[in-house]
N, C-alpha and C. Protein backbone atom coordinates (compact mmCIF):
# COMPACT_ATOMS: atom_id res chain seq x y z
N UNK A 1 -0.16 -8.88 15.39
CA UNK A 1 -0.85 -8.46 14.17
C UNK A 1 -0.05 -7.38 13.45
N UNK A 2 -0.02 -7.45 12.12
CA UNK A 2 0.66 -6.43 11.33
C UNK A 2 -0.30 -5.28 11.05
N UNK A 3 0.27 -4.16 10.60
CA UNK A 3 -0.55 -3.03 10.17
C UNK A 3 -0.14 -2.65 8.76
N UNK A 4 -1.00 -1.94 8.08
CA UNK A 4 -0.73 -1.47 6.74
C UNK A 4 -1.15 -0.01 6.66
N UNK A 5 -0.33 0.79 5.97
CA UNK A 5 -0.63 2.22 5.86
C UNK A 5 -1.07 2.56 4.45
N UNK A 6 -2.09 3.40 4.38
CA UNK A 6 -2.56 3.94 3.12
C UNK A 6 -2.43 5.45 3.17
N UNK A 7 -2.34 6.06 2.00
CA UNK A 7 -2.14 7.50 1.90
C UNK A 7 -3.41 8.26 2.28
N UNK A 8 -3.27 9.24 3.17
CA UNK A 8 -4.41 10.05 3.59
C UNK A 8 -4.62 11.26 2.68
N UNK A 9 -3.53 11.81 2.16
CA UNK A 9 -3.61 13.05 1.40
C UNK A 9 -4.51 12.95 0.18
N UNK A 10 -4.51 11.78 -0.46
CA UNK A 10 -5.30 11.61 -1.68
C UNK A 10 -6.54 10.74 -1.45
N UNK A 11 -6.97 10.64 -0.20
CA UNK A 11 -8.21 9.95 0.11
C UNK A 11 -8.15 8.45 0.02
N UNK A 12 -6.94 7.86 0.05
CA UNK A 12 -6.81 6.42 -0.11
C UNK A 12 -7.31 5.67 1.12
N UNK A 13 -6.93 6.14 2.30
CA UNK A 13 -7.42 5.50 3.53
C UNK A 13 -8.94 5.53 3.59
N UNK A 14 -9.50 6.66 3.24
CA UNK A 14 -10.96 6.81 3.24
C UNK A 14 -11.61 5.84 2.26
N UNK A 15 -10.99 5.65 1.09
CA UNK A 15 -11.52 4.73 0.09
C UNK A 15 -11.51 3.30 0.61
N UNK A 16 -10.48 2.93 1.37
CA UNK A 16 -10.40 1.59 1.96
C UNK A 16 -11.51 1.42 3.00
N UNK A 17 -11.67 2.41 3.87
CA UNK A 17 -12.66 2.34 4.93
C UNK A 17 -14.09 2.38 4.39
N UNK A 18 -14.26 2.98 3.22
CA UNK A 18 -15.58 3.02 2.57
C UNK A 18 -15.86 1.74 1.78
N UNK A 19 -14.84 0.89 1.62
CA UNK A 19 -15.01 -0.34 0.86
C UNK A 19 -14.86 -0.16 -0.64
N UNK A 20 -14.46 1.05 -1.09
CA UNK A 20 -14.28 1.30 -2.52
C UNK A 20 -12.95 0.78 -3.04
N UNK A 21 -11.95 0.79 -2.17
CA UNK A 21 -10.62 0.31 -2.56
C UNK A 21 -10.42 -1.09 -1.99
N UNK A 22 -10.22 -2.06 -2.87
CA UNK A 22 -10.08 -3.46 -2.44
C UNK A 22 -8.79 -4.08 -2.98
N UNK A 23 -7.86 -3.23 -3.38
CA UNK A 23 -6.61 -3.71 -3.95
C UNK A 23 -5.52 -2.67 -3.70
N UNK A 24 -4.30 -3.14 -3.47
CA UNK A 24 -3.19 -2.19 -3.31
C UNK A 24 -1.93 -2.78 -3.93
N UNK A 25 -1.11 -1.89 -4.49
CA UNK A 25 0.16 -2.29 -5.10
C UNK A 25 1.31 -1.73 -4.29
N UNK A 26 2.30 -2.60 -4.02
CA UNK A 26 3.50 -2.20 -3.28
C UNK A 26 4.72 -2.61 -4.09
N UNK A 27 5.62 -1.67 -4.33
CA UNK A 27 6.78 -1.95 -5.17
C UNK A 27 7.66 -3.03 -4.54
N UNK A 28 8.06 -4.00 -5.36
CA UNK A 28 8.92 -5.08 -4.92
C UNK A 28 10.34 -4.54 -4.77
N UNK A 29 10.89 -4.67 -3.57
CA UNK A 29 12.26 -4.23 -3.29
C UNK A 29 13.23 -5.34 -3.69
N UNK A 30 14.03 -5.13 -4.74
CA UNK A 30 14.92 -6.21 -5.22
C UNK A 30 15.88 -6.76 -4.17
N UNK A 31 16.22 -5.96 -3.15
CA UNK A 31 17.19 -6.44 -2.16
C UNK A 31 16.64 -7.60 -1.35
N UNK A 32 15.32 -7.79 -1.34
CA UNK A 32 14.75 -8.89 -0.57
C UNK A 32 15.09 -10.25 -1.18
N UNK A 33 15.53 -10.24 -2.43
CA UNK A 33 15.79 -11.49 -3.14
C UNK A 33 17.20 -12.04 -2.91
N UNK A 34 18.04 -11.23 -2.31
CA UNK A 34 19.43 -11.63 -2.15
C UNK A 34 19.81 -11.61 -0.68
N UNK A 35 20.99 -12.12 -0.40
CA UNK A 35 21.42 -12.25 0.98
C UNK A 35 21.35 -10.91 1.70
N UNK A 36 20.63 -10.91 2.81
CA UNK A 36 20.50 -9.68 3.58
C UNK A 36 21.77 -9.43 4.39
N UNK A 37 22.15 -8.18 4.48
CA UNK A 37 23.31 -7.82 5.29
C UNK A 37 22.82 -7.43 6.68
N UNK A 38 23.43 -8.00 7.72
CA UNK A 38 23.01 -7.69 9.08
C UNK A 38 23.26 -6.23 9.42
N UNK A 39 24.26 -5.67 8.82
CA UNK A 39 24.58 -4.28 9.11
C UNK A 39 25.33 -3.67 7.93
N UNK A 40 25.20 -2.36 7.79
CA UNK A 40 25.96 -1.64 6.77
C UNK A 40 27.14 -0.92 7.41
N UNK A 41 27.45 -1.29 8.65
CA UNK A 41 28.54 -0.63 9.36
C UNK A 41 29.85 -0.75 8.56
N UNK A 42 30.48 0.36 8.37
CA UNK A 42 31.73 0.37 7.61
C UNK A 42 31.53 0.57 6.12
N UNK A 43 30.28 0.51 5.66
CA UNK A 43 29.99 0.71 4.25
C UNK A 43 29.87 2.21 3.96
N UNK A 44 30.30 2.61 2.79
CA UNK A 44 30.07 3.99 2.37
C UNK A 44 28.69 4.09 1.73
N UNK A 45 28.20 5.29 1.59
CA UNK A 45 26.91 5.49 0.93
C UNK A 45 26.97 4.96 -0.51
N UNK A 46 28.13 5.14 -1.11
CA UNK A 46 28.30 4.68 -2.50
C UNK A 46 28.22 3.17 -2.59
N UNK A 47 28.84 2.47 -1.63
CA UNK A 47 28.83 1.01 -1.69
C UNK A 47 27.44 0.45 -1.40
N UNK A 48 26.70 1.12 -0.52
CA UNK A 48 25.32 0.71 -0.27
C UNK A 48 24.48 0.90 -1.53
N UNK A 49 24.66 2.04 -2.18
CA UNK A 49 23.93 2.32 -3.42
C UNK A 49 24.29 1.30 -4.49
N UNK A 50 25.58 0.93 -4.56
CA UNK A 50 26.01 -0.06 -5.54
C UNK A 50 25.37 -1.42 -5.27
N UNK A 51 25.26 -1.78 -3.99
CA UNK A 51 24.63 -3.05 -3.62
C UNK A 51 23.18 -3.08 -4.06
N UNK A 52 22.46 -2.00 -3.80
CA UNK A 52 21.05 -1.92 -4.18
C UNK A 52 20.90 -1.98 -5.70
N UNK A 53 21.80 -1.30 -6.41
CA UNK A 53 21.73 -1.30 -7.88
C UNK A 53 22.03 -2.69 -8.43
N UNK A 54 22.95 -3.41 -7.78
CA UNK A 54 23.28 -4.77 -8.18
C UNK A 54 22.05 -5.67 -8.07
N UNK A 55 21.33 -5.56 -6.95
CA UNK A 55 20.12 -6.37 -6.73
C UNK A 55 19.07 -6.05 -7.78
N UNK A 56 18.89 -4.76 -8.05
CA UNK A 56 17.89 -4.33 -9.05
C UNK A 56 18.27 -4.85 -10.43
N UNK A 57 19.56 -4.76 -10.76
CA UNK A 57 20.04 -5.20 -12.06
C UNK A 57 19.83 -6.70 -12.25
N UNK A 58 20.11 -7.49 -11.20
CA UNK A 58 19.94 -8.93 -11.26
C UNK A 58 18.48 -9.30 -11.50
N UNK A 59 17.59 -8.63 -10.78
CA UNK A 59 16.16 -8.94 -10.91
C UNK A 59 15.65 -8.61 -12.30
N UNK A 60 15.92 -7.41 -12.78
CA UNK A 60 15.30 -6.95 -14.02
C UNK A 60 15.97 -7.49 -15.27
N UNK A 61 17.09 -8.16 -15.10
CA UNK A 61 17.72 -8.84 -16.24
C UNK A 61 17.41 -10.33 -16.25
N UNK A 62 16.83 -10.82 -15.17
CA UNK A 62 16.53 -12.25 -15.06
C UNK A 62 15.44 -12.65 -16.03
N UNK A 63 15.53 -13.88 -16.54
CA UNK A 63 14.53 -14.41 -17.46
C UNK A 63 14.26 -15.87 -17.12
N UNK A 64 13.19 -16.39 -17.71
CA UNK A 64 12.89 -17.81 -17.62
C UNK A 64 12.83 -18.34 -16.20
N UNK A 65 13.49 -19.48 -15.98
CA UNK A 65 13.42 -20.17 -14.69
C UNK A 65 14.05 -19.33 -13.57
N UNK A 66 15.09 -18.59 -13.89
CA UNK A 66 15.72 -17.75 -12.86
C UNK A 66 14.74 -16.70 -12.36
N UNK A 67 14.03 -16.05 -13.28
CA UNK A 67 13.05 -15.04 -12.89
C UNK A 67 11.92 -15.67 -12.10
N UNK A 68 11.44 -16.83 -12.53
CA UNK A 68 10.36 -17.52 -11.82
C UNK A 68 10.78 -17.83 -10.38
N UNK A 69 12.00 -18.29 -10.20
CA UNK A 69 12.48 -18.62 -8.86
C UNK A 69 12.54 -17.37 -7.99
N UNK A 70 12.96 -16.27 -8.58
CA UNK A 70 13.02 -15.01 -7.83
C UNK A 70 11.63 -14.56 -7.40
N UNK A 71 10.68 -14.63 -8.31
CA UNK A 71 9.33 -14.16 -8.00
C UNK A 71 8.63 -15.11 -7.03
N UNK A 72 8.89 -16.41 -7.14
CA UNK A 72 8.34 -17.37 -6.18
C UNK A 72 8.87 -17.07 -4.78
N UNK A 73 10.17 -16.75 -4.70
CA UNK A 73 10.78 -16.41 -3.41
C UNK A 73 10.15 -15.13 -2.86
N UNK A 74 9.96 -14.14 -3.73
CA UNK A 74 9.37 -12.88 -3.30
C UNK A 74 7.95 -13.09 -2.75
N UNK A 75 7.16 -13.91 -3.44
CA UNK A 75 5.80 -14.18 -2.97
C UNK A 75 5.81 -14.89 -1.62
N UNK A 76 6.76 -15.80 -1.47
CA UNK A 76 6.86 -16.55 -0.21
C UNK A 76 7.24 -15.63 0.95
N UNK A 77 7.95 -14.55 0.65
CA UNK A 77 8.41 -13.65 1.69
C UNK A 77 7.75 -12.27 1.61
N UNK A 78 6.60 -12.19 0.97
CA UNK A 78 5.91 -10.91 0.88
C UNK A 78 5.45 -10.44 2.26
N UNK A 79 5.25 -9.14 2.37
CA UNK A 79 4.89 -8.56 3.68
C UNK A 79 3.57 -9.10 4.21
N UNK A 80 2.64 -9.38 3.32
CA UNK A 80 1.32 -9.86 3.73
C UNK A 80 0.99 -11.13 2.97
N UNK A 81 0.31 -12.04 3.64
CA UNK A 81 0.02 -13.36 3.08
C UNK A 81 -1.49 -13.56 2.93
N UNK A 82 -1.89 -14.44 2.01
CA UNK A 82 -3.29 -14.79 1.84
C UNK A 82 -3.84 -15.36 3.15
N UNK A 83 -5.02 -14.90 3.53
CA UNK A 83 -5.64 -15.37 4.76
C UNK A 83 -5.26 -14.55 5.99
N UNK A 84 -4.38 -13.56 5.81
CA UNK A 84 -3.92 -12.76 6.93
C UNK A 84 -4.85 -11.57 7.17
N UNK A 85 -5.10 -11.28 8.44
CA UNK A 85 -5.87 -10.11 8.83
C UNK A 85 -4.90 -9.02 9.24
N UNK A 86 -5.04 -7.85 8.64
CA UNK A 86 -4.08 -6.77 8.83
C UNK A 86 -4.80 -5.51 9.29
N UNK A 87 -4.22 -4.83 10.28
CA UNK A 87 -4.83 -3.62 10.83
C UNK A 87 -4.59 -2.43 9.90
N UNK A 88 -5.62 -1.61 9.68
CA UNK A 88 -5.51 -0.39 8.90
C UNK A 88 -5.01 0.71 9.82
N UNK A 89 -3.82 1.22 9.56
CA UNK A 89 -3.23 2.23 10.43
C UNK A 89 -3.97 3.57 10.29
N UNK A 90 -4.38 4.11 11.44
CA UNK A 90 -5.01 5.43 11.50
C UNK A 90 -4.45 6.17 12.71
N UNK A 91 -4.25 7.45 12.56
CA UNK A 91 -3.76 8.25 13.68
C UNK A 91 -4.78 8.22 14.82
N UNK A 92 -4.26 8.23 16.02
CA UNK A 92 -5.16 8.21 17.18
C UNK A 92 -6.09 9.42 17.17
N UNK A 93 -5.58 10.56 16.72
CA UNK A 93 -6.40 11.77 16.70
C UNK A 93 -7.59 11.61 15.76
N UNK A 94 -7.44 10.80 14.71
CA UNK A 94 -8.52 10.58 13.75
C UNK A 94 -9.55 9.59 14.27
N UNK A 95 -9.24 8.94 15.40
CA UNK A 95 -10.16 7.96 15.98
C UNK A 95 -10.81 8.49 17.25
N UNK A 96 -10.80 9.81 17.39
CA UNK A 96 -11.30 10.44 18.62
C UNK A 96 -12.76 10.12 18.90
N UNK A 97 -13.55 9.86 17.86
CA UNK A 97 -14.97 9.58 18.04
C UNK A 97 -15.32 8.12 17.74
N UNK A 98 -14.30 7.26 17.76
CA UNK A 98 -14.51 5.85 17.43
C UNK A 98 -14.63 5.03 18.71
N UNK A 99 -15.82 4.52 18.98
CA UNK A 99 -16.07 3.77 20.22
C UNK A 99 -15.23 2.50 20.29
N UNK A 100 -15.03 1.83 19.14
CA UNK A 100 -14.26 0.59 19.13
C UNK A 100 -12.79 0.86 19.49
N UNK A 101 -12.28 1.99 19.05
CA UNK A 101 -10.91 2.37 19.41
C UNK A 101 -10.77 2.49 20.92
N UNK A 102 -11.71 3.19 21.55
CA UNK A 102 -11.64 3.37 23.00
C UNK A 102 -11.84 2.05 23.74
N UNK A 103 -12.66 1.17 23.17
CA UNK A 103 -12.85 -0.14 23.79
C UNK A 103 -11.55 -0.93 23.75
N UNK A 104 -10.87 -0.88 22.62
CA UNK A 104 -9.60 -1.59 22.48
C UNK A 104 -8.53 -0.99 23.39
N UNK A 105 -8.53 0.33 23.53
CA UNK A 105 -7.58 0.97 24.45
C UNK A 105 -7.80 0.47 25.87
N UNK A 106 -9.06 0.33 26.25
CA UNK A 106 -9.39 -0.15 27.59
C UNK A 106 -8.95 -1.59 27.79
N UNK A 107 -9.19 -2.43 26.79
CA UNK A 107 -8.82 -3.84 26.88
C UNK A 107 -7.31 -4.01 27.01
N UNK A 108 -6.56 -3.20 26.26
CA UNK A 108 -5.11 -3.36 26.21
C UNK A 108 -4.36 -2.43 27.17
N UNK A 109 -5.09 -1.83 28.09
CA UNK A 109 -4.45 -1.05 29.14
C UNK A 109 -3.82 0.25 28.69
N UNK A 110 -4.41 0.88 27.68
CA UNK A 110 -3.92 2.19 27.22
C UNK A 110 -4.77 3.27 27.90
N UNK A 111 -4.23 3.97 28.90
CA UNK A 111 -4.99 5.02 29.60
C UNK A 111 -5.42 6.11 28.62
N UNK A 112 -6.70 6.41 28.58
CA UNK A 112 -7.21 7.37 27.62
C UNK A 112 -6.58 8.74 27.78
N UNK A 113 -6.23 9.11 29.03
CA UNK A 113 -5.68 10.43 29.27
C UNK A 113 -4.26 10.59 28.71
N UNK A 114 -3.64 9.46 28.35
CA UNK A 114 -2.27 9.52 27.83
C UNK A 114 -2.19 9.43 26.31
N UNK A 115 -3.32 9.20 25.66
CA UNK A 115 -3.30 8.99 24.21
C UNK A 115 -2.69 10.19 23.48
N UNK A 116 -2.99 11.39 23.95
CA UNK A 116 -2.49 12.59 23.30
C UNK A 116 -0.98 12.74 23.36
N UNK A 117 -0.34 11.96 24.23
CA UNK A 117 1.12 12.03 24.36
C UNK A 117 1.82 10.92 23.59
N UNK A 118 1.06 10.01 23.02
CA UNK A 118 1.63 8.91 22.26
C UNK A 118 2.10 9.41 20.88
N UNK A 119 3.19 8.80 20.36
CA UNK A 119 3.69 9.18 19.04
C UNK A 119 2.64 8.94 17.95
N UNK A 120 1.81 7.92 18.17
CA UNK A 120 0.78 7.59 17.19
C UNK A 120 -0.38 8.56 17.15
N UNK A 121 -0.39 9.55 18.04
CA UNK A 121 -1.49 10.51 18.07
C UNK A 121 -1.55 11.30 16.77
N UNK A 122 -0.38 11.71 16.27
CA UNK A 122 -0.32 12.50 15.04
C UNK A 122 0.42 11.81 13.91
N UNK A 123 0.97 10.62 14.16
CA UNK A 123 1.76 9.93 13.14
C UNK A 123 1.40 8.45 13.16
N UNK A 124 0.75 7.98 12.10
CA UNK A 124 0.28 6.60 12.12
C UNK A 124 1.38 5.57 11.90
N UNK A 125 2.60 6.04 11.64
CA UNK A 125 3.71 5.10 11.58
C UNK A 125 3.92 4.44 12.95
N UNK A 126 3.50 5.14 14.01
CA UNK A 126 3.78 4.67 15.36
C UNK A 126 2.56 4.09 16.08
N UNK A 127 1.43 3.96 15.39
CA UNK A 127 0.25 3.43 16.07
C UNK A 127 0.43 1.95 16.33
N UNK A 128 -0.23 1.46 17.36
CA UNK A 128 -0.17 0.04 17.71
C UNK A 128 -1.27 -0.71 16.96
N UNK A 129 -0.89 -1.76 16.26
CA UNK A 129 -1.83 -2.49 15.41
C UNK A 129 -3.02 -3.02 16.21
N UNK A 130 -2.78 -3.46 17.44
CA UNK A 130 -3.88 -4.07 18.21
C UNK A 130 -4.89 -3.03 18.71
N UNK A 131 -4.61 -1.74 18.49
CA UNK A 131 -5.57 -0.69 18.87
C UNK A 131 -6.39 -0.20 17.68
N UNK A 132 -6.09 -0.70 16.50
CA UNK A 132 -6.80 -0.23 15.30
C UNK A 132 -8.15 -0.92 15.17
N UNK A 133 -9.23 -0.15 14.99
CA UNK A 133 -10.58 -0.72 14.94
C UNK A 133 -10.98 -1.35 13.60
N UNK A 134 -10.26 -1.03 12.53
CA UNK A 134 -10.63 -1.55 11.21
C UNK A 134 -9.48 -2.37 10.63
N UNK A 135 -9.85 -3.41 9.86
CA UNK A 135 -8.85 -4.32 9.32
C UNK A 135 -9.20 -4.71 7.89
N UNK A 136 -8.19 -5.26 7.20
CA UNK A 136 -8.44 -5.87 5.90
C UNK A 136 -8.03 -7.34 5.98
N UNK A 137 -8.66 -8.13 5.14
CA UNK A 137 -8.37 -9.56 5.05
C UNK A 137 -7.79 -9.83 3.67
N UNK A 138 -6.56 -10.31 3.61
CA UNK A 138 -5.88 -10.54 2.33
C UNK A 138 -6.46 -11.78 1.65
N UNK A 139 -6.96 -11.59 0.43
CA UNK A 139 -7.59 -12.70 -0.30
C UNK A 139 -6.73 -13.25 -1.44
N UNK A 140 -5.77 -12.42 -1.92
CA UNK A 140 -4.92 -12.90 -3.00
C UNK A 140 -3.66 -12.05 -3.08
N UNK A 141 -2.56 -12.68 -3.47
CA UNK A 141 -1.29 -11.97 -3.64
C UNK A 141 -0.66 -12.43 -4.96
N UNK A 142 -0.20 -11.49 -5.76
CA UNK A 142 0.50 -11.84 -7.00
C UNK A 142 1.53 -10.76 -7.30
N UNK A 143 2.38 -11.00 -8.27
CA UNK A 143 3.38 -10.03 -8.70
C UNK A 143 3.19 -9.75 -10.18
N UNK A 144 3.24 -8.49 -10.55
CA UNK A 144 3.14 -8.11 -11.94
C UNK A 144 3.85 -6.78 -12.16
N UNK A 145 4.01 -6.39 -13.42
CA UNK A 145 4.54 -5.07 -13.72
C UNK A 145 3.46 -4.03 -13.44
N UNK A 146 3.88 -2.87 -12.98
CA UNK A 146 2.94 -1.82 -12.61
C UNK A 146 2.00 -1.46 -13.76
N UNK A 147 2.53 -1.34 -14.97
CA UNK A 147 1.71 -0.91 -16.11
C UNK A 147 0.81 -2.01 -16.65
N UNK A 148 0.89 -3.21 -16.07
CA UNK A 148 -0.01 -4.29 -16.49
C UNK A 148 -1.38 -4.17 -15.84
N UNK A 149 -1.58 -3.17 -15.03
CA UNK A 149 -2.85 -3.00 -14.33
C UNK A 149 -3.99 -2.83 -15.35
N UNK A 150 -5.10 -3.50 -15.08
CA UNK A 150 -6.27 -3.40 -15.95
C UNK A 150 -7.13 -2.22 -15.52
N UNK A 151 -8.09 -1.84 -16.38
CA UNK A 151 -9.00 -0.75 -16.03
C UNK A 151 -9.83 -1.15 -14.81
N UNK A 152 -10.23 -2.40 -14.75
CA UNK A 152 -11.01 -2.89 -13.62
C UNK A 152 -10.20 -2.77 -12.32
N UNK A 153 -8.92 -3.11 -12.40
CA UNK A 153 -8.08 -3.02 -11.21
C UNK A 153 -7.82 -1.58 -10.80
N UNK A 154 -7.80 -0.65 -11.75
CA UNK A 154 -7.66 0.76 -11.40
C UNK A 154 -8.80 1.19 -10.48
N UNK A 155 -10.00 0.72 -10.78
CA UNK A 155 -11.16 1.04 -9.94
C UNK A 155 -11.04 0.35 -8.59
N UNK A 156 -10.52 -0.88 -8.58
CA UNK A 156 -10.30 -1.60 -7.32
C UNK A 156 -9.25 -0.89 -6.48
N UNK A 157 -8.37 -0.13 -7.13
CA UNK A 157 -7.34 0.65 -6.42
C UNK A 157 -7.91 1.94 -5.83
N UNK A 158 -9.19 2.22 -6.11
CA UNK A 158 -9.83 3.38 -5.51
C UNK A 158 -10.04 4.56 -6.43
N UNK A 159 -9.70 4.41 -7.71
CA UNK A 159 -9.94 5.49 -8.66
C UNK A 159 -11.45 5.73 -8.74
N UNK A 160 -11.84 6.99 -8.69
CA UNK A 160 -13.26 7.36 -8.64
C UNK A 160 -13.87 7.34 -10.04
N UNK A 161 -15.04 6.73 -10.15
CA UNK A 161 -15.76 6.60 -11.41
C UNK A 161 -16.98 7.52 -11.39
N UNK A 162 -17.00 8.51 -12.28
CA UNK A 162 -18.13 9.42 -12.40
C UNK A 162 -18.95 9.06 -13.64
N UNK A 163 -20.26 9.06 -13.49
CA UNK A 163 -21.13 8.85 -14.65
C UNK A 163 -21.84 10.14 -14.98
N UNK A 164 -21.71 10.58 -16.22
CA UNK A 164 -22.35 11.82 -16.66
C UNK A 164 -23.87 11.67 -16.62
N UNK A 165 -24.53 12.67 -16.07
CA UNK A 165 -26.00 12.66 -16.01
C UNK A 165 -26.61 12.99 -17.36
N UNK A 166 -25.77 13.53 -18.24
CA UNK A 166 -26.28 13.95 -19.55
C UNK A 166 -26.27 12.80 -20.56
N UNK A 167 -25.12 12.16 -20.71
CA UNK A 167 -25.02 11.12 -21.75
C UNK A 167 -24.55 9.77 -21.21
N UNK A 168 -24.48 9.65 -19.86
CA UNK A 168 -24.10 8.39 -19.19
C UNK A 168 -22.64 8.00 -19.46
N UNK A 169 -21.84 8.93 -20.00
CA UNK A 169 -20.42 8.66 -20.21
C UNK A 169 -19.71 8.59 -18.86
N UNK A 170 -18.61 7.86 -18.80
CA UNK A 170 -17.88 7.71 -17.55
C UNK A 170 -16.57 8.51 -17.60
N UNK A 171 -16.25 9.12 -16.47
CA UNK A 171 -15.01 9.86 -16.30
C UNK A 171 -14.37 9.40 -15.00
N UNK A 172 -13.04 9.54 -14.90
CA UNK A 172 -12.32 8.96 -13.78
C UNK A 172 -11.35 9.97 -13.16
N UNK A 173 -11.18 9.87 -11.85
CA UNK A 173 -10.29 10.81 -11.17
C UNK A 173 -9.68 10.17 -9.94
N UNK A 174 -8.69 10.85 -9.36
CA UNK A 174 -8.04 10.36 -8.15
C UNK A 174 -8.98 10.50 -6.96
N UNK A 175 -9.58 11.67 -6.82
CA UNK A 175 -10.55 11.93 -5.75
C UNK A 175 -11.75 12.65 -6.35
N UNK A 176 -12.76 12.89 -5.53
CA UNK A 176 -13.96 13.57 -6.00
C UNK A 176 -13.67 15.00 -6.46
N UNK A 177 -12.58 15.57 -5.98
CA UNK A 177 -12.30 16.97 -6.24
C UNK A 177 -11.19 17.19 -7.26
N UNK A 178 -10.62 16.10 -7.79
CA UNK A 178 -9.50 16.25 -8.73
C UNK A 178 -9.98 16.21 -10.18
N UNK A 179 -9.06 16.48 -11.10
CA UNK A 179 -9.39 16.50 -12.52
C UNK A 179 -9.85 15.12 -12.99
N UNK A 180 -10.72 15.10 -13.99
CA UNK A 180 -11.24 13.84 -14.51
C UNK A 180 -10.59 13.48 -15.84
N UNK A 181 -10.58 12.17 -16.13
CA UNK A 181 -9.97 11.65 -17.35
C UNK A 181 -10.91 10.63 -17.97
N UNK A 182 -10.70 10.38 -19.26
CA UNK A 182 -11.60 9.47 -19.98
C UNK A 182 -11.29 8.00 -19.70
N UNK A 183 -10.07 7.70 -19.21
CA UNK A 183 -9.66 6.33 -18.92
C UNK A 183 -9.14 6.25 -17.49
N UNK A 184 -9.46 5.19 -16.74
CA UNK A 184 -9.03 5.09 -15.34
C UNK A 184 -7.53 4.94 -15.15
N UNK A 185 -6.80 4.46 -16.17
CA UNK A 185 -5.35 4.30 -16.04
C UNK A 185 -4.65 5.65 -15.91
N UNK A 186 -5.21 6.69 -16.50
CA UNK A 186 -4.58 8.01 -16.45
C UNK A 186 -4.47 8.55 -15.02
N UNK A 187 -5.59 8.63 -14.29
CA UNK A 187 -5.46 9.12 -12.91
C UNK A 187 -4.67 8.17 -12.02
N UNK A 188 -4.72 6.86 -12.30
CA UNK A 188 -3.94 5.93 -11.49
C UNK A 188 -2.45 6.18 -11.69
N UNK A 189 -2.02 6.40 -12.92
CA UNK A 189 -0.62 6.68 -13.21
C UNK A 189 -0.16 7.95 -12.49
N UNK A 190 -1.02 8.96 -12.48
CA UNK A 190 -0.69 10.21 -11.79
C UNK A 190 -0.63 9.96 -10.28
N UNK A 191 -1.58 9.18 -9.78
CA UNK A 191 -1.63 8.90 -8.34
C UNK A 191 -0.40 8.15 -7.87
N UNK A 192 0.03 7.14 -8.61
CA UNK A 192 1.17 6.33 -8.17
C UNK A 192 2.44 7.18 -8.17
N UNK A 193 2.54 8.14 -9.09
CA UNK A 193 3.70 9.04 -9.09
C UNK A 193 3.67 9.99 -7.90
N UNK A 194 2.48 10.39 -7.49
CA UNK A 194 2.36 11.26 -6.32
C UNK A 194 2.72 10.51 -5.04
N UNK A 195 2.32 9.25 -4.97
CA UNK A 195 2.53 8.47 -3.75
C UNK A 195 3.93 7.89 -3.67
N UNK A 196 4.42 7.33 -4.78
CA UNK A 196 5.69 6.60 -4.77
C UNK A 196 6.85 7.37 -5.36
N UNK A 197 6.60 8.55 -5.90
CA UNK A 197 7.67 9.36 -6.45
C UNK A 197 7.55 9.55 -7.95
N UNK A 198 7.91 10.72 -8.42
CA UNK A 198 7.83 11.05 -9.84
C UNK A 198 8.63 10.05 -10.66
N UNK A 199 8.03 9.56 -11.73
CA UNK A 199 8.71 8.63 -12.61
C UNK A 199 8.44 7.16 -12.30
N UNK A 200 7.69 6.89 -11.23
CA UNK A 200 7.41 5.50 -10.85
C UNK A 200 6.63 4.78 -11.94
N UNK A 201 5.58 5.43 -12.45
CA UNK A 201 4.76 4.79 -13.49
C UNK A 201 5.61 4.51 -14.73
N UNK A 202 6.40 5.46 -15.15
CA UNK A 202 7.22 5.30 -16.36
C UNK A 202 8.27 4.20 -16.18
N UNK A 203 8.79 4.02 -14.97
CA UNK A 203 9.82 3.00 -14.74
C UNK A 203 9.24 1.59 -14.74
N UNK A 204 7.91 1.49 -14.56
CA UNK A 204 7.20 0.22 -14.67
C UNK A 204 7.81 -0.90 -13.81
N UNK A 205 7.94 -0.68 -12.50
CA UNK A 205 8.58 -1.69 -11.65
C UNK A 205 7.68 -2.90 -11.42
N UNK A 206 8.27 -3.97 -10.92
CA UNK A 206 7.51 -5.11 -10.44
C UNK A 206 6.86 -4.72 -9.12
N UNK A 207 5.61 -5.12 -8.95
CA UNK A 207 4.88 -4.77 -7.73
C UNK A 207 4.15 -5.99 -7.17
N UNK A 208 4.00 -6.00 -5.86
CA UNK A 208 3.10 -6.94 -5.23
C UNK A 208 1.69 -6.39 -5.39
N UNK A 209 0.75 -7.23 -5.78
CA UNK A 209 -0.66 -6.84 -5.86
C UNK A 209 -1.41 -7.60 -4.77
N UNK A 210 -1.97 -6.85 -3.83
CA UNK A 210 -2.72 -7.46 -2.74
C UNK A 210 -4.21 -7.18 -2.92
N UNK A 211 -5.00 -8.23 -3.07
CA UNK A 211 -6.46 -8.10 -3.06
C UNK A 211 -6.92 -8.30 -1.62
N UNK A 212 -7.91 -7.53 -1.21
CA UNK A 212 -8.36 -7.65 0.18
C UNK A 212 -9.84 -7.27 0.34
N UNK A 213 -10.36 -7.68 1.47
CA UNK A 213 -11.72 -7.33 1.86
C UNK A 213 -11.66 -6.51 3.14
N UNK A 214 -12.56 -5.55 3.26
CA UNK A 214 -12.63 -4.74 4.48
C UNK A 214 -13.29 -5.55 5.59
N UNK A 215 -12.67 -5.51 6.77
CA UNK A 215 -13.22 -6.19 7.95
C UNK A 215 -13.41 -5.15 9.02
N UNK A 216 -14.62 -4.92 9.44
CA UNK A 216 -14.90 -3.94 10.50
C UNK A 216 -14.84 -4.62 11.87
């Protein structure tokens, strides 16, 4: 089973576990479209950078049938597929009170007294997918430009929707404690720059869009 990681700092993992976030965008890496190199041994940092830039240049200059073939290939080789069940990565320390986690540890022979010594205790990059108690089920996969996101999809991405008690107007934010905006695209643009790096929204890359359902 595969695992998928969501950002904890901005409440993204929590939004997934609460069922508020049912969609995620992952930037398409252009190098996946071209012949993979088994090793970069002997390559300079500059030559590796040039290779990556070449792949990016080919993708973003492609049009018509060439672009369609590239995107079809990318969909065929995307990290997650429709119908796939994927484990939500959580640090072991965050599952200290989760009975299902301990049940899975018992089933898979993970001694409870050793959990604190595992790399996954404080870093979810190293957690074992088969020990994760919560999962998502992929229902749809597509590719689009980042800025093509709709207001509806911003909410599916976990942007918080506040309704004013005074005039029923709606305001939107990254989390319950962050600044609010009149349109959901604004906090989403800020969020994607925080998660993927400053300038990501402005660069408008191609992204995989994964729709999913929470599976407990």
